[in-house]
């Protein structure tokens, strides 16, 4: 694992439909990166990865000041 990886030890929520990942594949990739995939946004959430039609998780993440990443930003950060 790359020590510069920004996802090590971080809680990450995924919302919406992603272009390049199924739900299982994104969770597996997050675990591979050392992150903890979680299903609900809370003050302990570090990142929200945003797909199409995100629903209310986006509003909650914004209200809590959580970093929101597009799928492309996520890919760029872990490449």
PDB file of N, CA and C in Angstrom:
ATOM      1  N   UNK A   1       0.833  -1.185   0.000  1.00  0.00           N
ATOM      2  CA  UNK A   1       0.000   0.000   0.000  1.00  0.00           C
ATOM      3  C   UNK A   1       0.880   1.251   0.000  1.00  0.00           C
ATOM      4  N   UNK A   2       0.508   2.205  -0.775  1.00  0.00           N
ATOM      5  CA  UNK A   2       1.237   3.460  -0.890  1.00  0.00           C
ATOM      6  C   UNK A   2       1.030   4.292   0.385  1.00  0.00           C
ATOM      7  N   UNK A   3       2.111   4.667   1.087  1.00  0.00           N
ATOM      8  CA  UNK A   3       1.947   5.446   2.319  1.00  0.00           C
ATOM      9  C   UNK A   3       1.366   6.845   2.074  1.00  0.00           C
ATOM     10  N   UNK A   4       1.422   7.321   0.850  1.00  0.00           N
ATOM     11  CA  UNK A   4       0.839   8.622   0.513  1.00  0.00           C
ATOM     12  C   UNK A   4      -0.647   8.517   0.178  1.00  0.00           C
ATOM     13  N   UNK A   5      -1.183   7.321   0.255  1.00  0.00           N
ATOM     14  CA  UNK A   5      -2.587   7.064  -0.053  1.00  0.00           C
ATOM     15  C   UNK A   5      -3.481   7.850   0.911  1.00  0.00           C
ATOM     16  N   UNK A   6      -4.321   8.748   0.404  1.00  0.00           N
ATOM     17  CA  UNK A   6      -5.165   9.574   1.282  1.00  0.00           C
ATOM     18  C   UNK A   6      -6.354   8.834   1.899  1.00  0.00           C
ATOM     19  N   UNK A   7      -6.551   7.571   1.542  1.00  0.00           N
ATOM     20  CA  UNK A   7      -7.718   6.837   2.029  1.00  0.00           C
ATOM     21  C   UNK A   7      -7.414   5.898   3.202  1.00  0.00           C
ATOM     22  N   UNK A   8      -6.144   5.711   3.551  1.00  0.00           N
ATOM     23  CA  UNK A   8      -5.789   4.799   4.635  1.00  0.00           C
ATOM     24  C   UNK A   8      -6.449   5.255   5.938  1.00  0.00           C
ATOM     25  N   UNK A   9      -7.230   4.347   6.525  1.00  0.00           N
ATOM     26  CA  UNK A   9      -7.867   4.626   7.801  1.00  0.00           C
ATOM     27  C   UNK A   9      -9.052   5.572   7.752  1.00  0.00           C
ATOM     28  N   UNK A  10      -9.501   5.941   6.567  1.00  0.00           N
ATOM     29  CA  UNK A  10     -10.599   6.899   6.427  1.00  0.00           C
ATOM     30  C   UNK A  10     -11.938   6.185   6.241  1.00  0.00           C
ATOM     31  N   UNK A  11     -12.993   6.816   6.729  1.00  0.00           N
ATOM     32  CA  UNK A  11     -14.365   6.322   6.526  1.00  0.00           C
ATOM     33  C   UNK A  11     -14.922   6.966   5.265  1.00  0.00           C
ATOM     34  N   UNK A  12     -15.423   6.127   4.370  1.00  0.00           N
ATOM     35  CA  UNK A  12     -15.885   6.622   3.076  1.00  0.00           C
ATOM     36  C   UNK A  12     -17.295   6.107   2.789  1.00  0.00           C
ATOM     37  N   UNK A  13     -18.173   7.032   2.413  1.00  0.00           N
ATOM     38  CA  UNK A  13     -19.539   6.701   2.002  1.00  0.00           C
ATOM     39  C   UNK A  13     -19.628   6.893   0.496  1.00  0.00           C
ATOM     40  N   UNK A  14     -20.349   5.989  -0.165  1.00  0.00           N
ATOM     41  CA  UNK A  14     -20.587   6.103  -1.601  1.00  0.00           C
ATOM     42  C   UNK A  14     -22.078   6.299  -1.798  1.00  0.00           C
ATOM     43  N   UNK A  15     -22.430   7.245  -2.664  1.00  0.00           N
ATOM     44  CA  UNK A  15     -23.846   7.480  -2.944  1.00  0.00           C
ATOM     45  C   UNK A  15     -24.069   7.695  -4.426  1.00  0.00           C
ATOM     46  N   UNK A  16     -25.226   7.305  -4.908  1.00  0.00           N
ATOM     47  CA  UNK A  16     -25.551   7.465  -6.318  1.00  0.00           C
ATOM     48  C   UNK A  16     -25.008   6.326  -7.165  1.00  0.00           C
ATOM     49  N   UNK A  17     -25.318   6.383  -8.453  1.00  0.00           N
ATOM     50  CA  UNK A  17     -24.885   5.356  -9.402  1.00  0.00           C
ATOM     51  C   UNK A  17     -23.547   5.756  -9.995  1.00  0.00           C
ATOM     52  N   UNK A  18     -22.552   4.879  -9.844  1.00  0.00           N
ATOM     53  CA  UNK A  18     -21.223   5.153 -10.370  1.00  0.00           C
ATOM     54  C   UNK A  18     -21.089   4.607 -11.793  1.00  0.00           C
ATOM     55  N   UNK A  19     -20.250   5.246 -12.592  1.00  0.00           N
ATOM     56  CA  UNK A  19     -20.031   4.816 -13.976  1.00  0.00           C
ATOM     57  C   UNK A  19     -19.177   3.560 -14.071  1.00  0.00           C
ATOM     58  N   UNK A  20     -18.099   3.510 -13.286  1.00  0.00           N
ATOM     59  CA  UNK A  20     -17.086   2.474 -13.468  1.00  0.00           C
ATOM     60  C   UNK A  20     -17.061   1.392 -12.392  1.00  0.00           C
ATOM     61  N   UNK A  21     -17.947   1.481 -11.427  1.00  0.00           N
ATOM     62  CA  UNK A  21     -17.952   0.514 -10.330  1.00  0.00           C
ATOM     63  C   UNK A  21     -19.366   0.057 -10.006  1.00  0.00           C
ATOM     64  N   UNK A  22     -19.472  -1.205  -9.648  1.00  0.00           N
ATOM     65  CA  UNK A  22     -20.690  -1.675  -8.994  1.00  0.00           C
ATOM     66  C   UNK A  22     -20.513  -1.328  -7.513  1.00  0.00           C
ATOM     67  N   UNK A  23     -21.541  -1.476  -6.738  1.00  0.00           N
ATOM     68  CA  UNK A  23     -21.459  -1.193  -5.304  1.00  0.00           C
ATOM     69  C   UNK A  23     -20.407  -2.110  -4.650  1.00  0.00           C
ATOM     70  N   UNK A  24     -20.432  -3.395  -4.999  1.00  0.00           N
ATOM     71  CA  UNK A  24     -19.466  -4.341  -4.424  1.00  0.00           C
ATOM     72  C   UNK A  24     -18.037  -3.998  -4.853  1.00  0.00           C
ATOM     73  N   UNK A  25     -17.852  -3.589  -6.092  1.00  0.00           N
ATOM     74  CA  UNK A  25     -16.510  -3.283  -6.605  1.00  0.00           C
ATOM     75  C   UNK A  25     -15.924  -2.041  -5.942  1.00  0.00           C
ATOM     76  N   UNK A  26     -16.726  -1.014  -5.719  1.00  0.00           N
ATOM     77  CA  UNK A  26     -16.196   0.202  -5.077  1.00  0.00           C
ATOM     78  C   UNK A  26     -15.851  -0.099  -3.617  1.00  0.00           C
ATOM     79  N   UNK A  27     -16.665  -0.898  -2.952  1.00  0.00           N
ATOM     80  CA  UNK A  27     -16.367  -1.260  -1.565  1.00  0.00           C
ATOM     81  C   UNK A  27     -15.078  -2.067  -1.496  1.00  0.00           C
ATOM     82  N   UNK A  28     -14.908  -3.004  -2.427  1.00  0.00           N
ATOM     83  CA  UNK A  28     -13.681  -3.803  -2.465  1.00  0.00           C
ATOM     84  C   UNK A  28     -12.464  -2.914  -2.729  1.00  0.00           C
ATOM     85  N   UNK A  29     -12.606  -1.948  -3.622  1.00  0.00           N
ATOM     86  CA  UNK A  29     -11.493  -1.038  -3.933  1.00  0.00           C
ATOM     87  C   UNK A  29     -11.139  -0.186  -2.719  1.00  0.00           C
ATOM     88  N   UNK A  30     -12.143   0.297  -1.996  1.00  0.00           N
ATOM     89  CA  UNK A  30     -11.895   1.088  -0.802  1.00  0.00           C
ATOM     90  C   UNK A  30     -11.147   0.277   0.256  1.00  0.00           C
ATOM     91  N   UNK A  31     -11.560  -0.962   0.463  1.00  0.00           N
ATOM     92  CA  UNK A  31     -10.888  -1.835   1.427  1.00  0.00           C
ATOM     93  C   UNK A  31      -9.436  -2.062   0.991  1.00  0.00           C
ATOM     94  N   UNK A  32      -9.244  -2.276  -0.297  1.00  0.00           N
ATOM     95  CA  UNK A  32      -7.902  -2.446  -0.869  1.00  0.00           C
ATOM     96  C   UNK A  32      -7.010  -1.240  -0.555  1.00  0.00           C
ATOM     97  N   UNK A  33      -7.606  -0.062  -0.557  1.00  0.00           N
ATOM     98  CA  UNK A  33      -6.880   1.178  -0.298  1.00  0.00           C
ATOM     99  C   UNK A  33      -6.701   1.462   1.195  1.00  0.00           C
ATOM    100  N   UNK A  34      -7.272   0.594   2.039  1.00  0.00           N
ATOM    101  CA  UNK A  34      -7.131   0.783   3.478  1.00  0.00           C
ATOM    102  C   UNK A  34      -8.209   1.637   4.098  1.00  0.00           C
ATOM    103  N   UNK A  35      -9.255   1.919   3.340  1.00  0.00           N
ATOM    104  CA  UNK A  35     -10.372   2.726   3.838  1.00  0.00           C
ATOM    105  C   UNK A  35     -11.425   1.820   4.467  1.00  0.00           C
ATOM    106  N   UNK A  36     -12.334   2.451   5.190  1.00  0.00           N
ATOM    107  CA  UNK A  36     -13.465   1.734   5.781  1.00  0.00           C
ATOM    108  C   UNK A  36     -14.737   2.210   5.088  1.00  0.00           C
ATOM    109  N   UNK A  37     -15.318   1.363   4.216  1.00  0.00           N
ATOM    110  CA  UNK A  37     -16.577   1.757   3.582  1.00  0.00           C
ATOM    111  C   UNK A  37     -17.702   1.739   4.625  1.00  0.00           C
ATOM    112  N   UNK A  38     -18.469   2.813   4.671  1.00  0.00           N
ATOM    113  CA  UNK A  38     -19.610   2.890   5.582  1.00  0.00           C
ATOM    114  C   UNK A  38     -20.846   3.299   4.788  1.00  0.00           C
ATOM    115  N   UNK A  39     -22.009   3.004   5.332  1.00  0.00           N
ATOM    116  CA  UNK A  39     -23.235   3.239   4.563  1.00  0.00           C
ATOM    117  C   UNK A  39     -23.932   4.559   4.898  1.00  0.00           C
ATOM    118  N   UNK A  40     -23.660   5.114   6.077  1.00  0.00           N
ATOM    119  CA  UNK A  40     -24.352   6.343   6.474  1.00  0.00           C
ATOM    120  C   UNK A  40     -23.369   7.478   6.691  1.00  0.00           C
ATOM    121  N   UNK A  41     -23.777   8.667   6.284  1.00  0.00           N
ATOM    122  CA  UNK A  41     -22.978   9.862   6.499  1.00  0.00           C
ATOM    123  C   UNK A  41     -23.127  10.292   7.961  1.00  0.00           C
ATOM    124  N   UNK A  42     -21.988  10.541   8.597  1.00  0.00           N
ATOM    125  CA  UNK A  42     -21.992  11.049   9.977  1.00  0.00           C
ATOM    126  C   UNK A  42     -20.800  11.984  10.140  1.00  0.00           C
ATOM    127  N   UNK A  43     -20.681  12.567  11.316  1.00  0.00           N
ATOM    128  CA  UNK A  43     -19.556  13.475  11.545  1.00  0.00           C
ATOM    129  C   UNK A  43     -18.219  12.745  11.498  1.00  0.00           C
ATOM    130  N   UNK A  44     -18.249  11.429  11.566  1.00  0.00           N
ATOM    131  CA  UNK A  44     -17.022  10.621  11.478  1.00  0.00           C
ATOM    132  C   UNK A  44     -16.646  10.263  10.042  1.00  0.00           C
ATOM    133  N   UNK A  45     -17.488  10.602   9.089  1.00  0.00           N
ATOM    134  CA  UNK A  45     -17.214  10.311   7.678  1.00  0.00           C
ATOM    135  C   UNK A  45     -16.130  11.263   7.174  1.00  0.00           C
ATOM    136  N   UNK A  46     -15.155  10.707   6.458  1.00  0.00           N
ATOM    137  CA  UNK A  46     -14.070  11.526   5.907  1.00  0.00           C
ATOM    138  C   UNK A  46     -14.340  11.952   4.464  1.00  0.00           C
ATOM    139  N   UNK A  47     -14.893  11.046   3.659  1.00  0.00           N
ATOM    140  CA  UNK A  47     -15.154  11.332   2.250  1.00  0.00           C
ATOM    141  C   UNK A  47     -16.517  10.787   1.831  1.00  0.00           C
ATOM    142  N   UNK A  48     -17.133  11.484   0.883  1.00  0.00           N
ATOM    143  CA  UNK A  48     -18.328  11.000   0.207  1.00  0.00           C
ATOM    144  C   UNK A  48     -17.983  10.927  -1.272  1.00  0.00           C
ATOM    145  N   UNK A  49     -18.094   9.735  -1.859  1.00  0.00           N
ATOM    146  CA  UNK A  49     -17.886   9.584  -3.299  1.00  0.00           C
ATOM    147  C   UNK A  49     -19.253   9.660  -3.953  1.00  0.00           C
ATOM    148  N   UNK A  50     -19.356  10.561  -4.910  1.00  0.00           N
ATOM    149  CA  UNK A  50     -20.636  10.955  -5.476  1.00  0.00           C
ATOM    150  C   UNK A  50     -20.848  10.397  -6.879  1.00  0.00           C
ATOM    151  N   UNK A  51     -21.957   9.690  -7.055  1.00  0.00           N
ATOM    152  CA  UNK A  51     -22.372   9.232  -8.372  1.00  0.00           C
ATOM    153  C   UNK A  51     -23.596  10.006  -8.822  1.00  0.00           C
ATOM    154  N   UNK A  52     -24.237   9.519  -9.870  1.00  0.00           N
ATOM    155  CA  UNK A  52     -25.454  10.160 -10.379  1.00  0.00           C
ATOM    156  C   UNK A  52     -26.617   9.935  -9.414  1.00  0.00           C
ATOM    157  N   UNK A  53     -27.497  10.912  -9.299  1.00  0.00           N
ATOM    158  CA  UNK A  53     -28.681  10.862  -8.440  1.00  0.00           C
ATOM    159  C   UNK A  53     -28.318  10.491  -6.995  1.00  0.00           C
ATOM    160  N   UNK A  54     -27.567  11.355  -6.319  1.00  0.00           N
ATOM    161  CA  UNK A  54     -27.028  11.015  -5.011  1.00  0.00           C
ATOM    162  C   UNK A  54     -28.016  10.941  -3.852  1.00  0.00           C
ATOM    163  N   UNK A  55     -29.135  11.596  -3.916  1.00  0.00           N
ATOM    164  CA  UNK A  55     -30.077  11.529  -2.804  1.00  0.00           C
ATOM    165  C   UNK A  55     -29.660  12.400  -1.636  1.00  0.00           C
ATOM    166  N   UNK A  56     -30.182  12.093  -0.439  1.00  0.00           N
ATOM    167  CA  UNK A  56     -29.994  12.976   0.710  1.00  0.00           C
ATOM    168  C   UNK A  56     -28.628  12.852   1.387  1.00  0.00           C
ATOM    169  N   UNK A  57     -27.830  11.858   1.027  1.00  0.00           N
ATOM    170  CA  UNK A  57     -26.498  11.736   1.624  1.00  0.00           C
ATOM    171  C   UNK A  57     -25.632  12.935   1.249  1.00  0.00           C
ATOM    172  N   UNK A  58     -25.810  13.460   0.051  1.00  0.00           N
ATOM    173  CA  UNK A  58     -25.038  14.625  -0.378  1.00  0.00           C
ATOM    174  C   UNK A  58     -25.353  15.831   0.501  1.00  0.00           C
ATOM    175  N   UNK A  59     -26.615  16.107   0.725  1.00  0.00           N
ATOM    176  CA  UNK A  59     -27.011  17.254   1.543  1.00  0.00           C
ATOM    177  C   UNK A  59     -26.449  17.128   2.960  1.00  0.00           C
ATOM    178  N   UNK A  60     -26.513  15.945   3.514  1.00  0.00           N
ATOM    179  CA  UNK A  60     -26.002  15.731   4.870  1.00  0.00           C
ATOM    180  C   UNK A  60     -24.487  15.924   4.907  1.00  0.00           C
ATOM    181  N   UNK A  61     -23.782  15.400   3.899  1.00  0.00           N
ATOM    182  CA  UNK A  61     -22.325  15.550   3.841  1.00  0.00           C
ATOM    183  C   UNK A  61     -21.935  17.024   3.737  1.00  0.00           C
ATOM    184  N   UNK A  62     -22.643  17.768   2.906  1.00  0.00           N
ATOM    185  CA  UNK A  62     -22.352  19.194   2.752  1.00  0.00           C
ATOM    186  C   UNK A  62     -22.607  19.940   4.058  1.00  0.00           C
ATOM    187  N   UNK A  63     -23.693  19.595   4.734  1.00  0.00           N
ATOM    188  CA  UNK A  63     -24.021  20.244   6.007  1.00  0.00           C
ATOM    189  C   UNK A  63     -22.961  19.969   7.074  1.00  0.00           C
ATOM    190  N   UNK A  64     -22.329  18.802   6.997  1.00  0.00           N
ATOM    191  CA  UNK A  64     -21.311  18.423   7.981  1.00  0.00           C
ATOM    192  C   UNK A  64     -19.895  18.826   7.557  1.00  0.00           C
ATOM    193  N   UNK A  65     -19.756  19.381   6.357  1.00  0.00           N
ATOM    194  CA  UNK A  65     -18.442  19.810   5.888  1.00  0.00           C
ATOM    195  C   UNK A  65     -17.536  18.679   5.443  1.00  0.00           C
ATOM    196  N   UNK A  66     -18.134  17.574   5.013  1.00  0.00           N
ATOM    197  CA  UNK A  66     -17.373  16.405   4.569  1.00  0.00           C
ATOM    198  C   UNK A  66     -16.887  16.622   3.130  1.00  0.00           C
ATOM    199  N   UNK A  67     -15.684  16.156   2.846  1.00  0.00           N
ATOM    200  CA  UNK A  67     -15.122  16.280   1.503  1.00  0.00           C
ATOM    201  C   UNK A  67     -15.905  15.392   0.541  1.00  0.00           C
ATOM    202  N   UNK A  68     -16.422  16.002  -0.525  1.00  0.00           N
ATOM    203  CA  UNK A  68     -17.197  15.290  -1.534  1.00  0.00           C
ATOM    204  C   UNK A  68     -16.322  15.119  -2.772  1.00  0.00           C
ATOM    205  N   UNK A  69     -16.220  13.882  -3.246  1.00  0.00           N
ATOM    206  CA  UNK A  69     -15.404  13.565  -4.414  1.00  0.00           C
ATOM    207  C   UNK A  69     -16.266  13.004  -5.527  1.00  0.00           C
ATOM    208  N   UNK A  70     -16.002  13.429  -6.754  1.00  0.00           N
ATOM    209  CA  UNK A  70     -16.626  12.766  -7.893  1.00  0.00           C
ATOM    210  C   UNK A  70     -15.898  11.436  -8.087  1.00  0.00           C
ATOM    211  N   UNK A  71     -16.468  10.574  -8.886  1.00  0.00           N
ATOM    212  CA  UNK A  71     -15.811   9.301  -9.183  1.00  0.00           C
ATOM    213  C   UNK A  71     -14.448   9.548  -9.834  1.00  0.00           C
ATOM    214  N   UNK A  72     -14.371  10.559 -10.690  1.00  0.00           N
ATOM    215  CA  UNK A  72     -13.119  10.884 -11.372  1.00  0.00           C
ATOM    216  C   UNK A  72     -12.065  11.400 -10.377  1.00  0.00           C
ATOM    217  N   UNK A  73     -12.491  12.222  -9.420  1.00  0.00           N
ATOM    218  CA  UNK A  73     -11.554  12.700  -8.397  1.00  0.00           C
ATOM    219  C   UNK A  73     -11.039  11.553  -7.545  1.00  0.00           C
ATOM    220  N   UNK A  74     -11.930  10.624  -7.213  1.00  0.00           N
ATOM    221  CA  UNK A  74     -11.527   9.439  -6.454  1.00  0.00           C
ATOM    222  C   UNK A  74     -10.464   8.662  -7.231  1.00  0.00           C
ATOM    223  N   UNK A  75     -10.709   8.428  -8.501  1.00  0.00           N
ATOM    224  CA  UNK A  75      -9.754   7.693  -9.341  1.00  0.00           C
ATOM    225  C   UNK A  75      -8.404   8.413  -9.379  1.00  0.00           C
ATOM    226  N   UNK A  76      -8.439   9.707  -9.541  1.00  0.00           N
ATOM    227  CA  UNK A  76      -7.201  10.484  -9.629  1.00  0.00           C
ATOM    228  C   UNK A  76      -6.419  10.397  -8.319  1.00  0.00           C
ATOM    229  N   UNK A  77      -7.105  10.427  -7.189  1.00  0.00           N
ATOM    230  CA  UNK A  77      -6.442  10.391  -5.885  1.00  0.00           C
ATOM    231  C   UNK A  77      -5.824   9.035  -5.565  1.00  0.00           C
ATOM    232  N   UNK A  78      -6.343   7.959  -6.150  1.00  0.00           N
ATOM    233  CA  UNK A  78      -5.813   6.640  -5.800  1.00  0.00           C
ATOM    234  C   UNK A  78      -5.029   5.997  -6.923  1.00  0.00           C
ATOM    235  N   UNK A  79      -4.673   6.780  -7.943  1.00  0.00           N
ATOM    236  CA  UNK A  79      -3.904   6.193  -9.047  1.00  0.00           C
ATOM    237  C   UNK A  79      -2.417   6.315  -8.817  1.00  0.00           C
TER     238      UNK A  79
END
